[in-house]
N, C-alpha and C. Protein backbone atom coordinates (compact mmCIF):
# COMPACT_ATOMS: atom_id res chain seq x y z
N MET A 1 -39.24 -8.97 -5.86
CA MET A 1 -39.38 -8.33 -6.81
C MET A 1 -38.49 -8.14 -7.98
N ALA A 2 -38.77 -8.33 -8.98
CA ALA A 2 -37.76 -8.60 -10.35
C ALA A 2 -36.96 -7.56 -10.51
N ARG A 3 -35.89 -7.26 -10.93
CA ARG A 3 -34.67 -6.34 -11.11
C ARG A 3 -35.06 -5.81 -12.30
N SER A 4 -34.90 -4.56 -12.13
CA SER A 4 -35.50 -3.92 -13.62
C SER A 4 -34.27 -3.85 -14.65
N ASN A 5 -34.43 -3.90 -15.85
CA ASN A 5 -33.04 -3.72 -16.47
C ASN A 5 -32.40 -2.87 -16.21
N SER A 6 -32.67 -1.64 -16.24
CA SER A 6 -31.14 -1.02 -15.56
C SER A 6 -30.41 -1.43 -14.60
N SER A 7 -31.15 -1.85 -13.58
CA SER A 7 -30.87 -2.24 -11.94
C SER A 7 -29.78 -3.68 -12.53
N ASN A 8 -30.17 -4.42 -13.46
CA ASN A 8 -29.67 -5.64 -14.05
C ASN A 8 -28.08 -4.99 -14.50
N ALA A 9 -28.16 -4.15 -15.73
CA ALA A 9 -27.18 -3.89 -16.25
C ALA A 9 -26.10 -2.86 -15.29
N TRP A 10 -26.85 -2.23 -14.07
CA TRP A 10 -25.73 -1.68 -13.36
C TRP A 10 -24.82 -2.98 -12.56
N LEU A 11 -25.72 -4.14 -12.07
CA LEU A 11 -25.19 -4.78 -11.58
C LEU A 11 -24.14 -5.74 -12.15
N LYS A 12 -24.54 -5.75 -13.80
CA LYS A 12 -23.45 -6.89 -14.65
C LYS A 12 -22.38 -5.59 -14.47
N GLU A 13 -22.13 -4.25 -14.78
CA GLU A 13 -21.24 -3.48 -14.75
C GLU A 13 -20.51 -3.61 -13.39
N HIS A 14 -20.88 -3.35 -12.34
CA HIS A 14 -20.35 -3.60 -11.14
C HIS A 14 -19.43 -4.73 -10.77
N VAL A 15 -20.01 -5.81 -11.15
CA VAL A 15 -19.32 -6.72 -11.16
C VAL A 15 -18.03 -7.30 -11.72
N ASN A 16 -18.10 -6.47 -12.89
CA ASN A 16 -17.12 -6.84 -13.65
C ASN A 16 -16.22 -5.51 -14.07
N ASP A 17 -16.18 -4.54 -12.75
CA ASP A 17 -15.77 -3.13 -12.83
C ASP A 17 -14.24 -3.62 -12.14
N HIS A 18 -13.13 -3.00 -13.07
CA HIS A 18 -11.97 -3.32 -12.67
C HIS A 18 -11.54 -2.31 -11.68
N TYR A 19 -12.25 -1.23 -11.49
CA TYR A 19 -11.83 -0.62 -10.38
C TYR A 19 -12.40 -1.23 -8.97
N VAL A 20 -13.60 -1.73 -9.37
CA VAL A 20 -14.57 -2.30 -7.70
C VAL A 20 -13.22 -3.38 -7.54
N HIS A 21 -12.99 -4.44 -8.25
CA HIS A 21 -11.84 -5.49 -8.15
C HIS A 21 -10.72 -4.67 -7.09
N GLN A 22 -10.38 -3.84 -8.01
CA GLN A 22 -8.89 -3.30 -7.35
C GLN A 22 -9.23 -2.55 -6.06
N ALA A 23 -10.26 -1.83 -5.99
CA ALA A 23 -10.42 -1.38 -4.46
C ALA A 23 -10.66 -2.73 -3.62
N LYS A 24 -11.17 -3.91 -4.01
CA LYS A 24 -11.07 -4.88 -2.98
C LYS A 24 -9.47 -5.17 -2.77
N LYS A 25 -8.84 -5.25 -3.93
CA LYS A 25 -7.84 -6.05 -3.53
C LYS A 25 -6.70 -5.24 -2.90
N GLU A 26 -6.95 -3.75 -2.85
CA GLU A 26 -6.16 -2.65 -2.16
C GLU A 26 -6.57 -2.39 -0.80
N GLY A 27 -7.87 -2.64 -0.22
CA GLY A 27 -8.40 -2.28 0.75
C GLY A 27 -9.10 -0.96 0.75
N TYR A 28 -9.50 -0.64 -0.06
CA TYR A 28 -10.39 0.46 -0.12
C TYR A 28 -11.92 0.36 -0.32
N ARG A 29 -12.18 1.30 0.46
CA ARG A 29 -13.91 0.72 0.66
C ARG A 29 -14.66 1.21 -0.54
N ALA A 30 -14.27 2.02 -1.42
CA ALA A 30 -15.28 1.99 -2.70
C ALA A 30 -13.83 2.48 -3.98
N ARG A 31 -14.45 2.09 -5.10
CA ARG A 31 -13.98 2.34 -6.37
C ARG A 31 -13.37 3.93 -6.47
N ALA A 32 -14.26 4.78 -5.84
CA ALA A 32 -13.97 6.45 -5.98
C ALA A 32 -12.71 6.47 -5.28
N ALA A 33 -11.92 5.66 -4.51
CA ALA A 33 -10.60 6.02 -4.14
C ALA A 33 -9.38 6.41 -5.64
N PHE A 34 -9.92 5.34 -6.54
CA PHE A 34 -9.05 5.92 -7.45
C PHE A 34 -9.22 6.89 -8.46
N LYS A 35 -10.35 7.70 -8.09
CA LYS A 35 -10.63 9.01 -8.72
C LYS A 35 -9.69 9.94 -8.12
N LEU A 36 -9.53 10.02 -6.53
CA LEU A 36 -8.95 10.93 -6.07
C LEU A 36 -7.31 10.23 -6.15
N LEU A 37 -7.09 9.49 -5.65
CA LEU A 37 -5.36 8.70 -6.01
C LEU A 37 -5.07 9.56 -7.77
N GLU A 38 -5.76 9.08 -8.51
CA GLU A 38 -5.27 9.64 -9.92
C GLU A 38 -5.49 11.28 -10.10
N ILE A 39 -6.01 11.87 -9.66
CA ILE A 39 -5.93 13.55 -9.41
C ILE A 39 -4.93 14.15 -8.66
N ASN A 40 -4.34 13.36 -7.43
CA ASN A 40 -3.42 13.37 -6.66
C ASN A 40 -2.40 13.48 -7.46
N GLU A 41 -2.04 12.39 -8.30
CA GLU A 41 -0.88 11.95 -8.51
C GLU A 41 -0.56 12.99 -9.40
N LYS A 42 -1.34 13.69 -10.10
CA LYS A 42 -1.10 14.87 -11.37
C LYS A 42 -1.22 16.13 -10.49
N ASP A 43 -1.89 16.56 -9.29
CA ASP A 43 -1.98 17.74 -8.68
C ASP A 43 -1.19 17.88 -7.38
N LYS A 44 -0.93 16.73 -6.87
CA LYS A 44 -0.37 16.66 -5.72
C LYS A 44 -0.83 17.45 -4.70
N LEU A 45 -1.96 17.34 -4.30
CA LEU A 45 -2.71 17.79 -3.55
C LEU A 45 -2.49 17.68 -1.82
N LEU A 46 -2.64 16.11 -1.72
CA LEU A 46 -2.30 15.64 -0.39
C LEU A 46 -0.57 15.44 0.09
N LYS A 47 -0.42 15.91 1.28
CA LYS A 47 0.90 16.02 1.75
C LYS A 47 1.01 16.10 2.90
N GLN A 48 2.27 15.44 3.62
CA GLN A 48 2.36 15.16 5.33
C GLN A 48 1.85 16.45 5.93
N GLY A 49 0.93 16.35 6.89
CA GLY A 49 0.70 17.43 8.06
C GLY A 49 -0.14 18.23 7.53
N LEU A 50 -1.06 18.18 6.35
CA LEU A 50 -2.31 19.07 6.12
C LEU A 50 -3.59 18.52 6.86
N TRP A 51 -4.35 19.77 7.08
CA TRP A 51 -5.39 19.24 7.71
C TRP A 51 -6.64 19.13 6.13
N VAL A 52 -7.31 18.17 6.11
CA VAL A 52 -8.33 18.00 5.30
C VAL A 52 -9.70 17.74 5.61
N ALA A 53 -10.80 18.81 4.94
CA ALA A 53 -12.02 18.63 5.17
C ALA A 53 -12.83 17.52 3.67
N ASP A 54 -13.55 16.51 4.32
CA ASP A 54 -13.83 15.56 3.40
C ASP A 54 -15.50 15.38 3.96
N LEU A 55 -15.68 16.22 2.66
CA LEU A 55 -17.35 16.49 2.41
C LEU A 55 -18.10 15.31 1.76
N GLY A 56 -18.87 14.72 2.49
CA GLY A 56 -20.17 13.71 1.54
C GLY A 56 -18.99 12.44 1.68
N ALA A 57 -18.46 12.00 2.57
CA ALA A 57 -17.03 11.19 2.88
C ALA A 57 -17.62 9.67 2.68
N ALA A 58 -19.20 9.46 3.03
CA ALA A 58 -19.01 7.86 3.14
C ALA A 58 -19.08 7.11 1.57
N PRO A 59 -18.40 5.68 1.84
CA PRO A 59 -18.42 4.98 3.15
C PRO A 59 -16.68 5.39 3.36
N GLY A 60 -16.14 6.36 2.88
CA GLY A 60 -14.61 6.66 3.26
C GLY A 60 -13.48 6.50 2.47
N SER A 61 -13.89 6.01 1.36
CA SER A 61 -12.38 5.87 0.51
C SER A 61 -11.30 7.00 0.31
N TRP A 62 -12.30 8.43 -0.02
CA TRP A 62 -11.57 9.39 0.13
C TRP A 62 -10.75 9.49 1.15
N SER A 63 -11.56 9.43 2.50
CA SER A 63 -10.98 9.60 3.75
C SER A 63 -9.72 8.91 4.02
N GLN A 64 -9.79 7.44 3.49
CA GLN A 64 -8.63 6.49 3.76
C GLN A 64 -7.34 6.94 2.64
N VAL A 65 -7.62 7.56 1.48
CA VAL A 65 -6.70 7.99 0.65
C VAL A 65 -6.02 9.25 1.32
N ALA A 66 -6.72 10.33 1.84
CA ALA A 66 -6.17 11.70 2.51
C ALA A 66 -5.44 11.09 3.75
N SER A 67 -6.09 10.28 5.05
CA SER A 67 -5.49 10.02 6.04
C SER A 67 -3.77 9.39 5.67
N GLN A 68 -4.25 8.18 4.43
CA GLN A 68 -2.76 7.70 4.14
C GLN A 68 -1.65 8.97 3.81
N ASN A 69 -2.07 9.92 3.08
CA ASN A 69 -1.52 10.73 2.66
C ASN A 69 -0.79 11.89 3.49
N VAL A 70 -1.64 12.31 4.66
CA VAL A 70 -1.54 13.33 5.35
C VAL A 70 -0.70 13.01 6.59
N GLY A 71 -0.69 11.42 6.85
CA GLY A 71 -0.03 11.01 7.95
C GLY A 71 -0.21 11.32 9.23
N ASP A 72 0.40 10.63 10.07
CA ASP A 72 0.04 11.46 11.61
C ASP A 72 0.30 12.87 11.75
N SER A 73 0.82 13.16 11.34
CA SER A 73 1.14 14.84 11.59
C SER A 73 -0.26 15.64 11.29
N GLY A 74 -0.71 15.29 10.17
CA GLY A 74 -2.13 15.60 9.45
C GLY A 74 -3.10 15.11 10.05
N ARG A 75 -4.38 15.86 9.74
CA ARG A 75 -5.61 15.47 10.30
C ARG A 75 -6.58 15.46 9.08
N VAL A 76 -7.86 14.38 9.01
CA VAL A 76 -8.76 14.36 8.28
C VAL A 76 -10.10 14.32 9.20
N PHE A 77 -10.88 15.45 8.52
CA PHE A 77 -12.42 15.60 9.07
C PHE A 77 -13.20 15.38 7.57
N ALA A 78 -14.20 14.47 8.68
CA ALA A 78 -14.95 13.69 7.59
C ALA A 78 -16.85 14.03 8.11
N LEU A 79 -17.42 14.39 7.07
CA LEU A 79 -18.98 14.55 7.42
C LEU A 79 -19.98 13.69 6.34
N ASP A 80 -20.59 13.05 6.53
CA ASP A 80 -21.62 12.47 5.84
C ASP A 80 -23.18 12.16 6.04
N LEU A 81 -23.79 12.37 5.35
CA LEU A 81 -25.23 12.06 6.27
C LEU A 81 -25.74 10.42 6.41
N LEU A 82 -24.77 9.43 5.95
CA LEU A 82 -24.55 7.99 6.56
C LEU A 82 -23.40 7.87 6.93
N ASP A 83 -23.74 7.06 7.54
CA ASP A 83 -22.48 6.22 9.29
C ASP A 83 -21.68 5.66 8.21
N MET A 84 -20.43 6.10 8.93
CA MET A 84 -19.49 5.74 8.34
C MET A 84 -18.57 4.86 9.26
N THR A 85 -18.12 3.51 8.61
CA THR A 85 -17.10 3.01 10.08
C THR A 85 -15.99 3.63 10.48
N PRO A 86 -15.40 4.00 11.30
CA PRO A 86 -14.18 4.79 11.58
C PRO A 86 -12.76 4.22 11.00
N ILE A 87 -12.16 5.70 10.54
CA ILE A 87 -10.79 5.55 10.14
C ILE A 87 -9.70 5.91 10.84
N ARG A 88 -8.67 5.27 11.15
CA ARG A 88 -7.60 6.01 12.07
C ARG A 88 -7.32 7.35 11.25
N GLY A 89 -6.96 8.23 12.26
CA GLY A 89 -6.87 9.56 11.86
C GLY A 89 -7.43 10.44 11.14
N VAL A 90 -9.24 10.00 11.24
CA VAL A 90 -10.19 10.85 10.83
C VAL A 90 -11.16 10.57 11.71
N ASP A 91 -11.40 12.33 11.88
CA ASP A 91 -12.53 12.38 12.65
C ASP A 91 -14.06 12.85 11.80
N PHE A 92 -15.05 12.19 12.34
CA PHE A 92 -16.16 12.01 11.68
C PHE A 92 -17.49 12.41 12.09
N ILE A 93 -18.40 12.96 11.64
CA ILE A 93 -19.70 13.53 11.70
C ILE A 93 -20.63 13.37 11.20
N GLN A 94 -21.58 12.62 11.69
CA GLN A 94 -22.39 11.84 11.01
C GLN A 94 -24.02 12.95 10.66
N GLY A 95 -24.32 13.60 9.61
CA GLY A 95 -25.22 14.57 9.46
C GLY A 95 -25.31 15.24 8.20
N ASP A 96 -26.65 16.20 8.37
CA ASP A 96 -27.20 16.46 6.79
C ASP A 96 -26.30 17.65 6.64
N PHE A 97 -25.31 17.99 5.69
CA PHE A 97 -24.50 18.84 5.58
C PHE A 97 -25.25 20.62 5.19
N ARG A 98 -26.62 20.10 4.78
CA ARG A 98 -27.51 21.01 4.68
C ARG A 98 -27.90 21.98 5.93
N ASP A 99 -27.80 21.06 6.79
CA ASP A 99 -28.33 21.46 8.60
C ASP A 99 -27.15 22.47 9.13
N ASP A 100 -27.73 23.52 9.57
CA ASP A 100 -26.78 24.70 10.47
C ASP A 100 -26.26 23.98 11.38
N GLU A 101 -26.91 23.38 12.10
CA GLU A 101 -26.90 22.82 13.14
C GLU A 101 -25.44 21.88 13.38
N VAL A 102 -25.36 21.08 12.39
CA VAL A 102 -24.92 20.00 11.81
C VAL A 102 -23.50 20.62 11.51
N LEU A 103 -23.43 21.32 10.56
CA LEU A 103 -22.38 22.34 10.16
C LEU A 103 -21.44 22.79 11.18
N ALA A 104 -22.31 23.69 12.16
CA ALA A 104 -21.67 24.22 13.13
C ALA A 104 -20.96 23.39 14.12
N HIS A 105 -21.37 21.94 14.29
CA HIS A 105 -20.83 21.05 15.27
C HIS A 105 -19.65 20.39 14.13
N TYR A 106 -19.55 20.53 12.73
CA TYR A 106 -18.72 19.94 12.04
C TYR A 106 -17.21 21.19 12.44
N THR A 107 -17.96 22.47 11.74
CA THR A 107 -16.69 23.38 12.37
C THR A 107 -16.18 23.70 13.77
N GLU A 108 -16.79 22.92 14.58
CA GLU A 108 -16.14 22.95 16.20
C GLU A 108 -14.89 22.16 15.83
N LEU A 109 -14.64 21.04 15.59
CA LEU A 109 -13.89 20.16 15.43
C LEU A 109 -12.65 20.82 14.91
N LEU A 110 -12.34 21.69 14.00
CA LEU A 110 -11.39 22.72 13.58
C LEU A 110 -10.62 23.45 14.93
N GLY A 111 -11.64 23.34 15.61
CA GLY A 111 -10.93 24.16 16.77
C GLY A 111 -10.40 26.00 16.29
N GLY A 112 -11.12 26.33 15.24
CA GLY A 112 -10.99 27.81 15.13
C GLY A 112 -9.51 27.70 13.86
N ARG A 113 -9.30 26.62 13.51
CA ARG A 113 -8.22 26.59 12.49
C ARG A 113 -8.66 26.30 11.56
N GLN A 114 -8.25 26.92 10.09
CA GLN A 114 -8.80 27.20 8.78
C GLN A 114 -7.94 25.57 8.12
N VAL A 115 -8.54 24.56 7.14
CA VAL A 115 -8.06 23.66 6.78
C VAL A 115 -7.49 23.97 5.38
N ASP A 116 -6.67 23.01 5.14
CA ASP A 116 -5.44 23.22 4.04
C ASP A 116 -6.26 22.77 2.31
N LEU A 117 -6.93 22.04 2.38
CA LEU A 117 -7.97 21.35 1.25
C LEU A 117 -8.88 20.93 2.02
N VAL A 118 -10.44 21.36 0.97
CA VAL A 118 -11.28 20.53 0.99
C VAL A 118 -11.61 19.54 -0.26
N ILE A 119 -12.00 18.74 0.16
CA ILE A 119 -12.31 17.48 -0.50
C ILE A 119 -13.75 17.27 -0.79
N CYS A 120 -14.49 17.17 -2.11
CA CYS A 120 -16.03 16.90 -1.76
C CYS A 120 -16.51 16.07 -2.79
N ASP A 121 -17.02 15.05 -2.64
CA ASP A 121 -17.41 13.78 -3.71
C ASP A 121 -19.33 13.91 -3.37
N MET A 122 -19.83 14.77 -2.85
CA MET A 122 -21.08 14.37 -2.44
C MET A 122 -22.11 14.23 -3.55
N ALA A 123 -23.15 13.48 -3.48
CA ALA A 123 -24.38 13.46 -4.49
C ALA A 123 -25.58 13.60 -3.71
N PRO A 124 -26.55 14.34 -4.24
CA PRO A 124 -27.74 13.72 -3.50
C PRO A 124 -28.11 12.58 -4.08
N ASN A 125 -29.31 12.08 -2.99
CA ASN A 125 -29.57 10.68 -3.39
C ASN A 125 -30.62 10.77 -4.36
N ILE A 126 -30.53 9.94 -5.54
CA ILE A 126 -31.10 10.31 -6.87
C ILE A 126 -32.73 9.59 -7.22
N THR A 127 -33.17 10.76 -7.49
CA THR A 127 -34.84 10.52 -7.55
C THR A 127 -35.47 10.14 -9.14
N GLY A 128 -34.22 9.86 -9.84
CA GLY A 128 -34.87 9.86 -11.39
C GLY A 128 -35.64 11.19 -12.07
N ASN A 129 -35.60 11.82 -11.74
CA ASN A 129 -36.30 13.31 -11.94
C ASN A 129 -34.67 13.77 -12.30
N ALA A 130 -34.18 14.16 -13.67
CA ALA A 130 -32.99 14.74 -14.10
C ALA A 130 -33.04 16.18 -13.87
N VAL A 131 -34.06 16.94 -13.84
CA VAL A 131 -33.75 18.55 -13.23
C VAL A 131 -33.84 18.97 -11.76
N MET A 132 -34.49 17.92 -11.18
CA MET A 132 -34.79 17.96 -9.71
C MET A 132 -32.75 17.29 -9.35
N ASP A 133 -32.88 16.30 -9.89
CA ASP A 133 -31.85 15.82 -9.33
C ASP A 133 -30.61 16.94 -9.48
N GLN A 134 -30.09 17.57 -10.60
CA GLN A 134 -29.28 18.57 -10.86
C GLN A 134 -29.47 19.52 -10.18
N ALA A 135 -30.38 19.85 -9.77
CA ALA A 135 -30.61 21.00 -8.80
C ALA A 135 -30.10 20.81 -7.43
N ARG A 136 -30.50 19.55 -7.21
CA ARG A 136 -30.18 19.74 -5.81
C ARG A 136 -28.69 19.03 -5.64
N SER A 137 -27.72 18.74 -6.88
CA SER A 137 -26.54 18.45 -6.76
C SER A 137 -26.03 19.46 -6.68
N MET A 138 -26.34 20.94 -7.26
CA MET A 138 -25.69 22.46 -7.74
C MET A 138 -26.23 22.85 -6.24
N LEU A 139 -26.70 22.83 -5.27
CA LEU A 139 -27.04 23.00 -4.27
C LEU A 139 -25.97 22.94 -2.75
N LEU A 140 -25.69 21.34 -3.21
CA LEU A 140 -24.45 21.09 -2.26
C LEU A 140 -22.95 21.59 -2.74
N CYS A 141 -23.43 22.08 -4.16
CA CYS A 141 -21.69 22.48 -4.72
C CYS A 141 -21.76 23.49 -4.11
N GLU A 142 -22.75 24.51 -4.03
CA GLU A 142 -22.78 25.96 -3.79
C GLU A 142 -22.67 25.86 -2.25
N LEU A 143 -23.15 25.02 -1.62
CA LEU A 143 -22.89 24.85 -0.22
C LEU A 143 -21.63 24.74 0.39
N ALA A 144 -20.93 23.87 -0.56
CA ALA A 144 -19.69 23.33 -0.50
C ALA A 144 -18.57 24.40 -0.72
N LEU A 145 -19.08 25.02 -1.48
CA LEU A 145 -18.10 26.34 -1.70
C LEU A 145 -18.03 27.84 -0.88
N GLU A 146 -19.19 27.99 -0.34
CA GLU A 146 -19.60 28.67 1.05
C GLU A 146 -18.61 28.51 2.19
N PHE A 147 -18.84 27.22 2.73
CA PHE A 147 -18.18 26.32 3.47
C PHE A 147 -16.54 26.67 3.16
N VAL A 148 -16.20 26.69 1.85
CA VAL A 148 -14.78 26.60 1.36
C VAL A 148 -14.11 28.36 1.69
N ARG A 149 -15.00 29.05 1.72
CA ARG A 149 -14.61 30.78 1.40
C ARG A 149 -14.43 31.06 3.00
N GLU A 150 -15.33 30.22 3.97
CA GLU A 150 -15.01 30.30 5.54
C GLU A 150 -14.07 29.86 5.91
N GLN A 151 -13.69 28.43 5.69
CA GLN A 151 -13.12 27.34 6.28
C GLN A 151 -11.39 26.73 5.75
N LEU A 152 -11.31 27.27 4.49
CA LEU A 152 -10.19 26.89 3.59
C LEU A 152 -9.06 28.46 3.84
N LYS A 153 -7.89 27.53 3.79
CA LYS A 153 -6.50 28.59 4.47
C LYS A 153 -6.82 29.29 2.71
N PRO A 154 -6.27 30.57 2.84
CA PRO A 154 -5.47 31.29 1.77
C PRO A 154 -4.58 30.41 1.05
N ASN A 155 -4.90 30.33 -0.19
CA ASN A 155 -3.83 29.73 -0.99
C ASN A 155 -4.11 27.97 -1.15
N GLY A 156 -5.05 27.77 -0.18
CA GLY A 156 -5.49 26.13 -0.22
C GLY A 156 -5.97 25.81 -1.60
N SER A 157 -6.53 24.68 -1.66
CA SER A 157 -7.20 24.19 -2.84
C SER A 157 -8.74 23.05 -2.43
N PHE A 158 -9.53 23.18 -3.18
CA PHE A 158 -10.62 23.03 -2.97
C PHE A 158 -11.14 21.95 -4.43
N LEU A 159 -11.36 20.31 -4.41
CA LEU A 159 -11.84 19.47 -5.09
C LEU A 159 -13.03 19.02 -5.43
N VAL A 160 -13.81 19.52 -6.26
CA VAL A 160 -15.61 19.26 -5.94
C VAL A 160 -15.98 18.22 -7.05
N LYS A 161 -16.89 17.12 -7.05
CA LYS A 161 -17.36 16.84 -7.80
C LYS A 161 -18.71 17.73 -8.37
N VAL A 162 -18.69 17.73 -9.64
CA VAL A 162 -19.71 18.80 -10.40
C VAL A 162 -20.44 17.92 -11.43
N PHE A 163 -22.11 17.83 -11.16
CA PHE A 163 -22.35 17.23 -12.67
C PHE A 163 -22.91 18.53 -13.65
N GLN A 164 -22.47 17.94 -14.92
CA GLN A 164 -22.56 19.04 -16.08
C GLN A 164 -24.08 19.39 -16.09
N GLY A 165 -24.77 20.52 -16.15
CA GLY A 165 -25.91 20.65 -16.61
C GLY A 165 -26.18 21.91 -16.20
N TYR A 166 -27.26 22.01 -15.78
CA TYR A 166 -27.95 23.55 -15.30
C TYR A 166 -27.43 24.08 -13.98
N GLY A 167 -27.06 24.94 -14.26
CA GLY A 167 -25.78 25.78 -12.96
C GLY A 167 -24.44 25.37 -12.89
N PHE A 168 -24.20 24.95 -14.02
CA PHE A 168 -22.55 24.67 -13.91
C PHE A 168 -21.84 26.12 -14.35
N THR A 169 -22.24 26.46 -15.84
CA THR A 169 -21.10 27.60 -16.15
C THR A 169 -21.26 28.79 -14.73
N GLU A 170 -22.33 28.87 -14.38
CA GLU A 170 -22.53 29.85 -12.96
C GLU A 170 -21.63 29.40 -11.71
N TYR A 171 -21.37 28.14 -11.60
CA TYR A 171 -20.50 27.59 -10.69
C TYR A 171 -19.41 27.62 -10.98
N MET A 172 -19.05 27.60 -12.24
CA MET A 172 -17.16 27.73 -12.70
C MET A 172 -17.37 29.21 -12.40
N THR A 173 -18.13 30.12 -12.97
CA THR A 173 -17.93 31.71 -12.54
C THR A 173 -17.37 32.03 -11.16
N ALA A 174 -18.15 31.12 -10.37
CA ALA A 174 -17.77 31.36 -8.81
C ALA A 174 -16.76 30.91 -8.58
N MET A 175 -16.56 29.62 -8.78
CA MET A 175 -15.16 29.32 -8.77
C MET A 175 -14.23 30.30 -9.40
N ARG A 176 -14.42 30.75 -10.27
CA ARG A 176 -12.96 31.47 -10.26
C ARG A 176 -12.85 32.54 -10.04
N GLU A 177 -13.83 33.07 -9.28
CA GLU A 177 -14.06 34.13 -8.82
C GLU A 177 -13.30 33.89 -6.85
N THR A 178 -13.16 32.95 -6.91
CA THR A 178 -12.68 32.41 -5.30
C THR A 178 -11.24 31.98 -5.38
N PHE A 179 -10.57 31.23 -6.69
CA PHE A 179 -9.65 30.53 -6.68
C PHE A 179 -8.75 31.76 -8.06
N THR A 180 -7.50 31.33 -7.68
CA THR A 180 -6.65 31.91 -8.72
C THR A 180 -6.71 31.22 -10.18
N THR A 181 -6.54 29.79 -9.90
CA THR A 181 -6.73 29.06 -11.06
C THR A 181 -7.55 27.77 -10.81
N VAL A 182 -9.01 27.62 -11.60
CA VAL A 182 -9.88 26.54 -11.77
C VAL A 182 -9.74 25.44 -13.18
N VAL A 183 -9.37 24.13 -12.62
CA VAL A 183 -9.17 23.23 -13.67
C VAL A 183 -10.17 22.06 -13.86
N THR A 184 -10.24 21.52 -15.09
CA THR A 184 -11.16 20.13 -14.82
C THR A 184 -10.52 19.21 -14.60
N ARG A 185 -10.76 18.08 -14.09
CA ARG A 185 -10.12 16.93 -14.07
C ARG A 185 -10.93 15.63 -14.31
N ASN A 186 -11.18 14.80 -14.93
CA ASN A 186 -12.14 13.80 -15.31
C ASN A 186 -10.88 12.47 -15.23
N PRO A 187 -11.09 11.79 -14.07
CA PRO A 187 -10.31 10.92 -13.88
C PRO A 187 -10.85 9.37 -14.75
N LYS A 188 -9.94 8.55 -14.89
CA LYS A 188 -10.30 7.22 -15.46
C LYS A 188 -11.21 6.55 -14.72
N ALA A 189 -11.28 6.86 -13.56
CA ALA A 189 -12.31 5.42 -12.70
C ALA A 189 -13.44 6.07 -12.50
N SER A 190 -14.29 7.75 -13.43
CA SER A 190 -15.71 7.94 -13.22
C SER A 190 -16.31 6.98 -14.40
N ARG A 191 -17.38 6.36 -14.57
CA ARG A 191 -17.67 5.80 -15.16
C ARG A 191 -18.19 6.11 -16.61
N ASP A 192 -17.90 5.74 -17.74
CA ASP A 192 -18.19 6.40 -19.26
C ASP A 192 -19.49 7.18 -19.41
N ARG A 193 -20.60 6.46 -18.59
CA ARG A 193 -21.94 7.08 -19.04
C ARG A 193 -22.43 8.47 -18.02
N SER A 194 -21.52 8.40 -16.99
CA SER A 194 -21.53 9.52 -16.34
C SER A 194 -21.12 10.97 -16.87
N ASN A 195 -21.90 12.08 -16.36
CA ASN A 195 -21.54 13.35 -16.59
C ASN A 195 -20.86 14.18 -15.66
N GLU A 196 -20.51 13.40 -14.20
CA GLU A 196 -19.52 14.08 -13.51
C GLU A 196 -18.57 14.69 -14.23
N THR A 197 -17.96 15.40 -13.16
CA THR A 197 -16.62 16.11 -14.08
C THR A 197 -16.00 16.70 -12.37
N TYR A 198 -14.94 16.89 -12.29
CA TYR A 198 -14.16 17.35 -10.78
C TYR A 198 -13.64 18.94 -11.59
N LEU A 199 -14.21 19.60 -10.29
CA LEU A 199 -13.46 21.50 -10.88
C LEU A 199 -12.18 21.03 -9.32
N LEU A 200 -11.32 21.75 -9.85
CA LEU A 200 -10.31 21.69 -8.67
C LEU A 200 -9.59 23.24 -8.57
N GLY A 201 -10.14 23.97 -7.51
CA GLY A 201 -9.47 25.27 -7.48
C GLY A 201 -8.21 25.20 -6.85
N LYS A 202 -7.14 25.91 -6.97
CA LYS A 202 -5.43 26.41 -6.44
C LYS A 202 -5.56 27.86 -6.36
N GLN A 203 -4.75 27.93 -4.98
CA GLN A 203 -4.71 29.08 -4.85
C GLN A 203 -6.01 29.96 -4.31
N LYS A 204 -6.60 29.54 -3.18
CA LYS A 204 -7.78 30.58 -2.73
C LYS A 204 -7.09 32.02 -2.35
N LYS A 205 -7.95 32.94 -3.07
CA LYS A 205 -7.81 34.31 -2.84
C LYS A 205 -7.79 34.59 -1.45
N ALA A 206 -6.95 35.31 -1.02
CA ALA A 206 -7.33 36.17 0.19
C ALA A 206 -8.49 36.83 0.14
């Protein structure tokens, strides 16, 4: 089957992408690593000894960055619907974040301890229906925020990818109710055509 014009355009963009080449050079599994690296450089989220939850982790580039920064004294707990090749220092569960049983299994890994940081780069499988895709994306963000309210320590931080559109304003309000400070971050590694942005909640309210 011949590729569509949009598929050909994506392939050309991917092949010529600076961050794709840089990821291969530096051993990261995906170009998304540079989004977290840039945000971390600015906000100093990742530190030695932290416990980090990585939601929507596959193929693992954010878990790689997190594990490198928290060191042997910290831990990273990753979750994704897709399988992920093991990473040293990262505990991984494969399953649907929307499934209560999967989420219960994931939280069991924490052993009753809350995490210091939650990072979430989740996105739904794209259907091409903009309204449906936006709704599914916001649902994942809302579920992630529910997880944060239960499993993130007071004064902890939450970094989440959000697509601007329906529900964005309401989600921003919910973030502000949960955190002392909420800021937006738009890393250079985000593709120009993407309407994604990252919300960073700092200092979770008790």
